């Protein structure tokens, strides 16, 4: 698979357009950007994959309160 560049993947662009498809949240999504470490990105992708969601949809559901985060306390070493 070749990388087409940010914002140029035809599948991603098609997903932003809802021609003939109902919008699940009642409003169109917009392209946003975030800054995150490689490790944070990889781990978030694993979470989204485990739920069967795209990373975008996972963020959408977190923001709307449809998903909840649970803090896991780490033991001090």
Protein backbone atom coordinates (compact mmCIF):
# COMPACT_ATOMS: atom_id res chain seq x y z
CA UNK A 1 0.00 0.00 0.00
CA UNK A 2 1.38 3.42 -0.85
CA UNK A 3 0.94 6.52 1.25
CA UNK A 4 -0.92 9.24 -0.66
CA UNK A 5 -0.20 12.08 1.73
CA UNK A 6 -2.21 13.67 4.48
CA UNK A 7 -5.76 14.53 3.52
CA UNK A 8 -5.47 12.90 0.10
CA UNK A 9 -6.55 9.32 0.67
CA UNK A 10 -9.67 8.85 -1.45
CA UNK A 11 -11.34 6.64 1.17
CA UNK A 12 -10.78 9.20 3.93
CA UNK A 13 -12.09 12.02 1.80
CA UNK A 14 -15.13 9.95 0.79
CA UNK A 15 -15.93 9.32 4.45
CA UNK A 16 -16.20 13.07 5.07
CA UNK A 17 -18.92 13.35 2.43
CA UNK A 18 -22.36 11.97 3.19
CA UNK A 19 -23.93 12.00 -0.25
CA UNK A 20 -27.03 9.86 0.16
CA UNK A 21 -25.92 8.49 3.55
CA UNK A 22 -27.42 9.68 6.81
CA UNK A 23 -25.07 11.45 9.20
CA UNK A 24 -24.86 9.39 12.36
CA UNK A 25 -24.38 12.39 14.64
CA UNK A 26 -26.57 14.94 12.88
CA UNK A 27 -23.72 17.18 11.79
CA UNK A 28 -20.81 16.84 9.39
CA UNK A 29 -17.36 15.96 10.66
CA UNK A 30 -14.43 18.28 9.97
CA UNK A 31 -10.78 17.51 9.48
CA UNK A 32 -8.82 18.25 12.69
CA UNK A 33 -5.25 17.67 13.76
CA UNK A 34 -3.69 16.61 17.04
CA UNK A 35 -0.15 16.17 18.33
CA UNK A 36 0.62 12.86 20.05
CA UNK A 37 3.69 10.69 20.59
CA UNK A 38 4.25 7.62 18.42
CA UNK A 39 3.60 5.38 21.42
CA UNK A 40 0.38 7.17 22.33
CA UNK A 41 -0.81 6.94 18.71
CA UNK A 42 -0.02 3.23 18.45
CA UNK A 43 -1.74 2.43 21.75
CA UNK A 44 -4.81 4.49 20.83
CA UNK A 45 -5.00 2.66 17.51
CA UNK A 46 -4.98 -0.66 19.40
CA UNK A 47 -7.89 0.54 21.56
CA UNK A 48 -9.88 1.65 18.50
CA UNK A 49 -9.13 -1.62 16.69
CA UNK A 50 -10.23 -3.67 19.70
CA UNK A 51 -13.58 -1.87 19.67
CA UNK A 52 -13.95 -2.27 15.91
CA UNK A 53 -13.96 1.50 15.39
CA UNK A 54 -11.84 3.88 13.40
CA UNK A 55 -9.66 6.22 15.39
CA UNK A 56 -11.86 9.10 14.24
CA UNK A 57 -15.03 7.40 15.43
CA UNK A 58 -13.39 6.51 18.76
CA UNK A 59 -12.54 10.18 19.35
CA UNK A 60 -16.06 11.21 18.28
CA UNK A 61 -17.66 8.81 20.75
CA UNK A 62 -15.32 9.86 23.58
CA UNK A 63 -16.14 13.49 22.94
CA UNK A 64 -19.88 12.85 22.93
CA UNK A 65 -19.74 10.81 26.12
CA UNK A 66 -20.72 7.54 24.44
CA UNK A 67 -17.46 6.00 25.64
CA UNK A 68 -15.92 6.48 29.06
CA UNK A 69 -12.27 6.32 30.07
CA UNK A 70 -11.18 4.55 33.22
CA UNK A 71 -7.94 5.63 34.86
CA UNK A 72 -5.63 2.76 35.74
CA UNK A 73 -3.33 3.55 38.66
CA UNK A 74 0.21 2.32 38.09
CA UNK A 75 2.25 1.04 41.01
CA UNK A 76 5.41 3.05 41.74
CA UNK A 77 8.63 1.15 41.08
